[in-house]
C-alpha cells in the first residue's frame, strides 16, 4: 500500500494560475466588500450582485490553467495515495488530474438548489451565468459556495483524512481562515509536516517550512518525498 499523503491547499496554490485572491494587495477584497458578495447576509440582501460576482469569477476561471504546482501534486500519485483538501473554489486540481479532491468552501463551477442543498448542478462553458431568476429542474439556484456565516460541511471528512495522513502538507495559505487552519492540530504525532508559502505564518517547530511560491515549493517537495 502506498503511504497516504494529505495536502491542504489555499489561495496561494492557484495564484500563479492568475486566480485573484481576496487577501492580496489588489485582490478581490479591495474591489468588492467581502460581506456583500461572499456572506449569507450579503446574498440575502442582494442576490443579484452575488450571482454577478460569481459569474465573473467563473469567466475568469475559464481563462486560467493549472500551474506546475497543481501538476506536481498529480505526479506524486506515482508514489503516494494523495488526497487534496482545498479551500479553493476553482477546479484547477481536477483539471490537472488529481484523483481525490475535497472542497471545503464549495465549487465555483457548480450551483445548488436553494430549497434542497443536496441538488447540485455543474455549469458548462457557454452557460456559466446565473441570476436570482435562474431555475434548474424546477429549483431556483445559488452559487455552490460556502459563504461567510455558513457552516463548512466538509470539515469533518477533512479532519478524518488528516488524522489518517502518513505525511501532511500545507500549501499557499495564511493559516488564518478557520476551520481550515485548524487541520494542522489533527495530524498524528510523529507524522512529517511540510508548509509551502512565500510568506509563511508562524508554525510549530515540528513543521518543515519551505518559504516558496507553490510551483517552486511543490518541485522542492517532490525531491524531498521521492522514494
C-alpha atoms as a PDB file:
ATOM      1  CA  UNK A   1       0.000   0.000   0.000  1.00  0.00           C
ATOM      2  CA  UNK A   2       1.183   3.487  -0.806  1.00  0.00           C
ATOM      3  CA  UNK A   3       1.651   5.918   2.097  1.00  0.00           C
ATOM      4  CA  UNK A   4      -1.197   8.422   2.465  1.00  0.00           C
ATOM      5  CA  UNK A   5      -0.112  11.950   1.544  1.00  0.00           C
ATOM      6  CA  UNK A   6      -2.710  14.559   2.552  1.00  0.00           C
ATOM      7  CA  UNK A   7      -2.287  18.070   1.149  1.00  0.00           C
ATOM      8  CA  UNK A   8      -4.214  21.149   2.282  1.00  0.00           C
ATOM      9  CA  UNK A   9      -4.182  23.943  -0.314  1.00  0.00           C
ATOM     10  CA  UNK A  10      -5.207  27.590  -0.143  1.00  0.00           C
ATOM     11  CA  UNK A  11      -5.321  30.606  -2.437  1.00  0.00           C
ATOM     12  CA  UNK A  12      -1.555  30.615  -2.991  1.00  0.00           C
ATOM     13  CA  UNK A  13      -1.896  27.290  -4.816  1.00  0.00           C
ATOM     14  CA  UNK A  14      -3.841  28.960  -7.637  1.00  0.00           C
ATOM     15  CA  UNK A  15      -2.286  32.441  -7.523  1.00  0.00           C
ATOM     16  CA  UNK A  16       0.316  31.518 -10.169  1.00  0.00           C
ATOM     17  CA  UNK A  17      -2.527  30.471 -12.466  1.00  0.00           C
ATOM     18  CA  UNK A  18      -3.780  34.064 -12.357  1.00  0.00           C
ATOM     19  CA  UNK A  19      -6.671  33.450  -9.959  1.00  0.00           C
ATOM     20  CA  UNK A  20      -7.195  36.643  -7.955  1.00  0.00           C
ATOM     21  CA  UNK A  21      -7.207  36.122  -4.204  1.00  0.00           C
ATOM     22  CA  UNK A  22      -9.267  38.064  -1.684  1.00  0.00           C
ATOM     23  CA  UNK A  23      -6.423  38.953   0.649  1.00  0.00           C
ATOM     24  CA  UNK A  24      -3.501  40.020  -1.544  1.00  0.00           C
ATOM     25  CA  UNK A  25      -2.818  43.665  -2.325  1.00  0.00           C
ATOM     26  CA  UNK A  26      -5.006  44.451  -5.296  1.00  0.00           C
ATOM     27  CA  UNK A  27      -7.075  41.365  -4.501  1.00  0.00           C
ATOM     28  CA  UNK A  28     -10.820  40.983  -4.584  1.00  0.00           C
ATOM     29  CA  UNK A  29     -11.357  42.496  -1.135  1.00  0.00           C
ATOM     30  CA  UNK A  30     -10.107  45.842  -2.450  1.00  0.00           C
ATOM     31  CA  UNK A  31     -12.605  45.714  -5.324  1.00  0.00           C
ATOM     32  CA  UNK A  32     -15.623  44.218  -3.533  1.00  0.00           C
ATOM     33  CA  UNK A  33     -16.720  44.492   0.117  1.00  0.00           C
ATOM     34  CA  UNK A  34     -16.394  40.830   1.015  1.00  0.00           C
ATOM     35  CA  UNK A  35     -19.511  40.683   3.167  1.00  0.00           C
ATOM     36  CA  UNK A  36     -21.587  41.977   0.258  1.00  0.00           C
ATOM     37  CA  UNK A  37     -20.539  39.249  -2.162  1.00  0.00           C
ATOM     38  CA  UNK A  38     -19.399  36.302  -0.026  1.00  0.00           C
ATOM     39  CA  UNK A  39     -21.634  36.156   3.044  1.00  0.00           C
ATOM     40  CA  UNK A  40     -25.040  34.739   3.826  1.00  0.00           C
ATOM     41  CA  UNK A  41     -26.251  38.218   4.789  1.00  0.00           C
ATOM     42  CA  UNK A  42     -24.923  39.649   1.538  1.00  0.00           C
ATOM     43  CA  UNK A  43     -26.733  37.026  -0.508  1.00  0.00           C
ATOM     44  CA  UNK A  44     -29.968  37.666   1.361  1.00  0.00           C
ATOM     45  CA  UNK A  45     -29.640  41.430   0.867  1.00  0.00           C
ATOM     46  CA  UNK A  46     -28.607  41.492  -2.810  1.00  0.00           C
ATOM     47  CA  UNK A  47     -28.666  38.099  -4.510  1.00  0.00           C
ATOM     48  CA  UNK A  48     -28.296  39.676  -7.970  1.00  0.00           C
ATOM     49  CA  UNK A  49     -24.932  41.215  -7.018  1.00  0.00           C
ATOM     50  CA  UNK A  50     -23.712  37.907  -5.605  1.00  0.00           C
ATOM     51  CA  UNK A  51     -24.759  35.985  -8.728  1.00  0.00           C
ATOM     52  CA  UNK A  52     -22.984  38.566 -10.900  1.00  0.00           C
ATOM     53  CA  UNK A  53     -19.832  38.383  -8.774  1.00  0.00           C
ATOM     54  CA  UNK A  54     -19.580  34.603  -9.158  1.00  0.00           C
ATOM     55  CA  UNK A  55     -20.492  34.786 -12.851  1.00  0.00           C
ATOM     56  CA  UNK A  56     -17.390  36.953 -13.337  1.00  0.00           C
ATOM     57  CA  UNK A  57     -15.268  34.586 -11.240  1.00  0.00           C
ATOM     58  CA  UNK A  58     -16.355  31.683 -13.482  1.00  0.00           C
ATOM     59  CA  UNK A  59     -15.379  33.538 -16.648  1.00  0.00           C
ATOM     60  CA  UNK A  60     -12.008  34.356 -15.064  1.00  0.00           C
ATOM     61  CA  UNK A  61     -11.549  30.683 -14.160  1.00  0.00           C
ATOM     62  CA  UNK A  62     -12.142  29.572 -17.753  1.00  0.00           C
ATOM     63  CA  UNK A  63      -9.101  31.628 -18.781  1.00  0.00           C
ATOM     64  CA  UNK A  64      -6.897  30.033 -16.109  1.00  0.00           C
ATOM     65  CA  UNK A  65      -4.891  26.825 -16.432  1.00  0.00           C
ATOM     66  CA  UNK A  66      -3.460  24.513 -13.779  1.00  0.00           C
ATOM     67  CA  UNK A  67       0.098  25.536 -12.930  1.00  0.00           C
ATOM     68  CA  UNK A  68       3.198  23.421 -12.360  1.00  0.00           C
ATOM     69  CA  UNK A  69       2.266  23.135  -8.686  1.00  0.00           C
ATOM     70  CA  UNK A  70      -1.085  21.515  -9.455  1.00  0.00           C
ATOM     71  CA  UNK A  71       0.583  19.176 -11.947  1.00  0.00           C
ATOM     72  CA  UNK A  72       3.361  18.349  -9.493  1.00  0.00           C
ATOM     73  CA  UNK A  73       0.828  17.115  -6.937  1.00  0.00           C
ATOM     74  CA  UNK A  74      -0.577  14.757  -9.569  1.00  0.00           C
ATOM     75  CA  UNK A  75       2.941  13.404 -10.225  1.00  0.00           C
ATOM     76  CA  UNK A  76       3.227  12.491  -6.539  1.00  0.00           C
ATOM     77  CA  UNK A  77       0.420   9.962  -7.066  1.00  0.00           C
ATOM     78  CA  UNK A  78       3.062   7.653  -8.573  1.00  0.00           C
ATOM     79  CA  UNK A  79       4.392   7.022  -5.073  1.00  0.00           C
ATOM     80  CA  UNK A  80       1.671   8.153  -2.707  1.00  0.00           C
ATOM     81  CA  UNK A  81      -2.048   7.852  -2.124  1.00  0.00           C
ATOM     82  CA  UNK A  82      -2.641  11.597  -2.497  1.00  0.00           C
ATOM     83  CA  UNK A  83      -5.682  13.387  -1.088  1.00  0.00           C
ATOM     84  CA  UNK A  84      -6.091  17.121  -1.676  1.00  0.00           C
ATOM     85  CA  UNK A  85      -8.185  19.178   0.747  1.00  0.00           C
ATOM     86  CA  UNK A  86      -8.634  22.605  -0.805  1.00  0.00           C
ATOM     87  CA  UNK A  87     -10.027  25.915   0.400  1.00  0.00           C
ATOM     88  CA  UNK A  88     -10.101  26.988  -3.252  1.00  0.00           C
ATOM     89  CA  UNK A  89     -13.361  27.020  -5.179  1.00  0.00           C
ATOM     90  CA  UNK A  90     -11.684  26.665  -8.588  1.00  0.00           C
ATOM     91  CA  UNK A  91     -11.416  23.332 -10.422  1.00  0.00           C
ATOM     92  CA  UNK A  92      -7.689  23.507 -11.204  1.00  0.00           C
ATOM     93  CA  UNK A  93      -6.786  20.452  -9.097  1.00  0.00           C
ATOM     94  CA  UNK A  94      -9.372  18.417 -11.007  1.00  0.00           C
ATOM     95  CA  UNK A  95      -8.270  19.769 -14.377  1.00  0.00           C
ATOM     96  CA  UNK A  96      -4.647  18.959 -13.515  1.00  0.00           C
ATOM     97  CA  UNK A  97      -5.732  15.354 -12.924  1.00  0.00           C
ATOM     98  CA  UNK A  98      -5.752  14.930  -9.133  1.00  0.00           C
ATOM     99  CA  UNK A  99      -7.645  11.766  -8.223  1.00  0.00           C
ATOM    100  CA  UNK A 100      -9.033  12.820  -4.834  1.00  0.00           C
ATOM    101  CA  UNK A 101     -10.096  16.437  -4.186  1.00  0.00           C
ATOM    102  CA  UNK A 102     -12.232  17.575  -1.243  1.00  0.00           C
ATOM    103  CA  UNK A 103     -13.510  21.162  -1.454  1.00  0.00           C
ATOM    104  CA  UNK A 104     -14.022  22.892   1.891  1.00  0.00           C
ATOM    105  CA  UNK A 105     -15.520  26.137   0.603  1.00  0.00           C
ATOM    106  CA  UNK A 106     -17.597  24.918  -2.318  1.00  0.00           C
ATOM    107  CA  UNK A 107     -17.077  24.797  -6.086  1.00  0.00           C
ATOM    108  CA  UNK A 108     -17.277  27.760  -8.408  1.00  0.00           C
ATOM    109  CA  UNK A 109     -18.431  25.804 -11.460  1.00  0.00           C
ATOM    110  CA  UNK A 110     -21.450  24.423  -9.597  1.00  0.00           C
ATOM    111  CA  UNK A 111     -24.734  25.811  -8.290  1.00  0.00           C
ATOM    112  CA  UNK A 112     -27.232  24.214  -5.960  1.00  0.00           C
ATOM    113  CA  UNK A 113     -30.945  24.399  -5.296  1.00  0.00           C
ATOM    114  CA  UNK A 114     -31.857  26.995  -2.685  1.00  0.00           C
ATOM    115  CA  UNK A 115     -34.597  24.752  -1.278  1.00  0.00           C
ATOM    116  CA  UNK A 116     -32.596  21.490  -1.357  1.00  0.00           C
ATOM    117  CA  UNK A 117     -28.836  21.696  -0.887  1.00  0.00           C
ATOM    118  CA  UNK A 118     -28.398  18.074  -1.970  1.00  0.00           C
ATOM    119  CA  UNK A 119     -29.332  19.056  -5.532  1.00  0.00           C
ATOM    120  CA  UNK A 120     -26.062  20.303  -7.055  1.00  0.00           C
ATOM    121  CA  UNK A 121     -25.663  21.188 -10.731  1.00  0.00           C
ATOM    122  CA  UNK A 122     -22.478  21.622 -12.771  1.00  0.00           C
ATOM    123  CA  UNK A 123     -22.409  24.605 -15.097  1.00  0.00           C
ATOM    124  CA  UNK A 124     -20.778  24.358 -18.519  1.00  0.00           C
ATOM    125  CA  UNK A 125     -18.822  26.797 -20.699  1.00  0.00           C
ATOM    126  CA  UNK A 126     -21.349  28.772 -22.722  1.00  0.00           C
ATOM    127  CA  UNK A 127     -23.900  28.658 -19.900  1.00  0.00           C
ATOM    128  CA  UNK A 128     -21.983  29.971 -16.906  1.00  0.00           C
ATOM    129  CA  UNK A 129     -24.141  32.907 -15.880  1.00  0.00           C
ATOM    130  CA  UNK A 130     -26.890  32.656 -13.280  1.00  0.00           C
ATOM    131  CA  UNK A 131     -29.310  35.181 -11.752  1.00  0.00           C
ATOM    132  CA  UNK A 132     -31.843  35.068  -8.914  1.00  0.00           C
ATOM    133  CA  UNK A 133     -34.369  34.002 -11.586  1.00  0.00           C
ATOM    134  CA  UNK A 134     -32.362  31.030 -12.877  1.00  0.00           C
ATOM    135  CA  UNK A 135     -34.334  27.790 -12.491  1.00  0.00           C
ATOM    136  CA  UNK A 136     -32.837  24.314 -12.990  1.00  0.00           C
ATOM    137  CA  UNK A 137     -35.048  21.217 -12.689  1.00  0.00           C
ATOM    138  CA  UNK A 138     -37.720  23.384 -11.096  1.00  0.00           C
ATOM    139  CA  UNK A 139     -35.397  24.889  -8.470  1.00  0.00           C
ATOM    140  CA  UNK A 140     -34.057  28.387  -8.043  1.00  0.00           C
ATOM    141  CA  UNK A 141     -30.305  28.139  -7.506  1.00  0.00           C
ATOM    142  CA  UNK A 142     -27.441  29.819  -5.688  1.00  0.00           C
ATOM    143  CA  UNK A 143     -23.663  29.536  -6.058  1.00  0.00           C
ATOM    144  CA  UNK A 144     -22.377  26.256  -4.605  1.00  0.00           C
ATOM    145  CA  UNK A 145     -20.128  28.262  -2.300  1.00  0.00           C
ATOM    146  CA  UNK A 146     -19.767  28.182   1.474  1.00  0.00           C
ATOM    147  CA  UNK A 147     -20.445  31.805   2.341  1.00  0.00           C
ATOM    148  CA  UNK A 148     -19.095  33.530   5.413  1.00  0.00           C
ATOM    149  CA  UNK A 149     -21.599  32.925   8.259  1.00  0.00           C
ATOM    150  CA  UNK A 150     -22.295  29.388   6.956  1.00  0.00           C
ATOM    151  CA  UNK A 151     -21.021  26.083   8.303  1.00  0.00           C
ATOM    152  CA  UNK A 152     -18.306  24.193   6.422  1.00  0.00           C
ATOM    153  CA  UNK A 153     -19.971  20.825   5.752  1.00  0.00           C
ATOM    154  CA  UNK A 154     -16.818  19.047   4.543  1.00  0.00           C
ATOM    155  CA  UNK A 155     -14.678  19.871   7.567  1.00  0.00           C
ATOM    156  CA  UNK A 156     -15.420  16.521   9.257  1.00  0.00           C
ATOM    157  CA  UNK A 157     -14.282  14.401   6.267  1.00  0.00           C
ATOM    158  CA  UNK A 158     -11.228  16.678   6.037  1.00  0.00           C
ATOM    159  CA  UNK A 159     -10.355  16.051   9.684  1.00  0.00           C
ATOM    160  CA  UNK A 160     -10.707  12.299   9.107  1.00  0.00           C
ATOM    161  CA  UNK A 161      -8.237  12.485   6.198  1.00  0.00           C
ATOM    162  CA  UNK A 162      -5.707  14.490   8.209  1.00  0.00           C
ATOM    163  CA  UNK A 163      -5.884  12.015  11.078  1.00  0.00           C
ATOM    164  CA  UNK A 164      -5.081   9.205   8.612  1.00  0.00           C
ATOM    165  CA  UNK A 165      -2.166  11.046   6.944  1.00  0.00           C
ATOM    166  CA  UNK A 166       1.308   9.487   6.844  1.00  0.00           C
ATOM    167  CA  UNK A 167       2.611  12.841   5.566  1.00  0.00           C
ATOM    168  CA  UNK A 168       0.775  16.179   5.770  1.00  0.00           C
ATOM    169  CA  UNK A 169       1.480  19.206   3.573  1.00  0.00           C
ATOM    170  CA  UNK A 170       0.044  22.739   3.669  1.00  0.00           C
ATOM    171  CA  UNK A 171       0.412  24.883   0.529  1.00  0.00           C
ATOM    172  CA  UNK A 172      -0.380  28.520  -0.117  1.00  0.00           C
ATOM    173  CA  UNK A 173      -2.417  29.520   2.890  1.00  0.00           C
ATOM    174  CA  UNK A 174      -2.040  32.204   5.538  1.00  0.00           C
ATOM    175  CA  UNK A 175      -3.350  29.739   8.148  1.00  0.00           C
ATOM    176  CA  UNK A 176      -5.869  32.281   9.436  1.00  0.00           C
ATOM    177  CA  UNK A 177      -9.066  31.050   7.770  1.00  0.00           C
ATOM    178  CA  UNK A 178     -10.880  28.707  10.120  1.00  0.00           C
ATOM    179  CA  UNK A 179     -11.836  25.932  10.355  1.00  0.00           C
ATOM    180  CA  UNK A 180      -9.344  25.011   7.590  1.00  0.00           C
ATOM    181  CA  UNK A 181      -6.403  26.478   9.500  1.00  0.00           C
ATOM    182  CA  UNK A 182      -7.159  24.157  12.413  1.00  0.00           C
ATOM    183  CA  UNK A 183      -6.472  20.996  10.396  1.00  0.00           C
ATOM    184  CA  UNK A 184      -2.819  21.064  11.468  1.00  0.00           C
ATOM    185  CA  UNK A 185      -3.801  20.163  15.029  1.00  0.00           C
ATOM    186  CA  UNK A 186      -5.273  16.836  13.876  1.00  0.00           C
ATOM    187  CA  UNK A 187      -2.004  15.473  12.462  1.00  0.00           C
ATOM    188  CA  UNK A 188      -0.849  12.435  14.429  1.00  0.00           C
ATOM    189  CA  UNK A 189       2.348  12.808  16.500  1.00  0.00           C
ATOM    190  CA  UNK A 190       5.471  11.891  14.549  1.00  0.00           C
ATOM    191  CA  UNK A 191       3.914  12.461  11.118  1.00  0.00           C
ATOM    192  CA  UNK A 192       6.124  14.694   8.898  1.00  0.00           C
ATOM    193  CA  UNK A 193       4.551  18.080   8.134  1.00  0.00           C
ATOM    194  CA  UNK A 194       5.626  20.483   5.374  1.00  0.00           C
ATOM    195  CA  UNK A 195       4.424  24.068   4.835  1.00  0.00           C
ATOM    196  CA  UNK A 196       4.908  25.781   1.467  1.00  0.00           C
ATOM    197  CA  UNK A 197       4.182  29.510   1.288  1.00  0.00           C
ATOM    198  CA  UNK A 198       6.220  32.544   0.150  1.00  0.00           C
ATOM    199  CA  UNK A 199       5.077  34.435   3.273  1.00  0.00           C
ATOM    200  CA  UNK A 200       4.699  31.647   5.835  1.00  0.00           C
ATOM    201  CA  UNK A 201       2.796  32.157   9.062  1.00  0.00           C
ATOM    202  CA  UNK A 202       4.306  31.142  12.392  1.00  0.00           C
ATOM    203  CA  UNK A 203       4.032  27.378  12.829  1.00  0.00           C
ATOM    204  CA  UNK A 204       5.200  24.808  15.409  1.00  0.00           C
ATOM    205  CA  UNK A 205       8.865  23.802  15.249  1.00  0.00           C
ATOM    206  CA  UNK A 206       7.968  20.284  14.058  1.00  0.00           C
ATOM    207  CA  UNK A 207       6.833  21.766  10.721  1.00  0.00           C
ATOM    208  CA  UNK A 208       9.355  21.955   7.859  1.00  0.00           C
ATOM    209  CA  UNK A 209       8.810  25.345   6.204  1.00  0.00           C
ATOM    210  CA  UNK A 210       9.589  25.846   2.514  1.00  0.00           C
ATOM    211  CA  UNK A 211       9.240  29.637   2.002  1.00  0.00           C
ATOM    212  CA  UNK A 212       8.478  29.426  -1.721  1.00  0.00           C
ATOM    213  CA  UNK A 213       5.612  30.000  -4.163  1.00  0.00           C
ATOM    214  CA  UNK A 214       3.525  26.901  -4.868  1.00  0.00           C
ATOM    215  CA  UNK A 215       5.209  25.947  -8.148  1.00  0.00           C
ATOM    216  CA  UNK A 216       8.731  26.077  -6.701  1.00  0.00           C
ATOM    217  CA  UNK A 217       7.654  24.626  -3.385  1.00  0.00           C
ATOM    218  CA  UNK A 218       5.959  21.594  -4.932  1.00  0.00           C
ATOM    219  CA  UNK A 219       9.054  20.929  -7.047  1.00  0.00           C
ATOM    220  CA  UNK A 220      11.194  21.065  -3.899  1.00  0.00           C
ATOM    221  CA  UNK A 221       8.711  18.850  -2.051  1.00  0.00           C
ATOM    222  CA  UNK A 222       8.906  16.265  -4.842  1.00  0.00           C
ATOM    223  CA  UNK A 223      12.672  15.999  -4.400  1.00  0.00           C
ATOM    224  CA  UNK A 224      12.221  15.547  -0.632  1.00  0.00           C
ATOM    225  CA  UNK A 225       9.442  12.952  -0.925  1.00  0.00           C
ATOM    226  CA  UNK A 226      10.818  10.995  -3.910  1.00  0.00           C
ATOM    227  CA  UNK A 227      11.274   7.449  -2.586  1.00  0.00           C
END
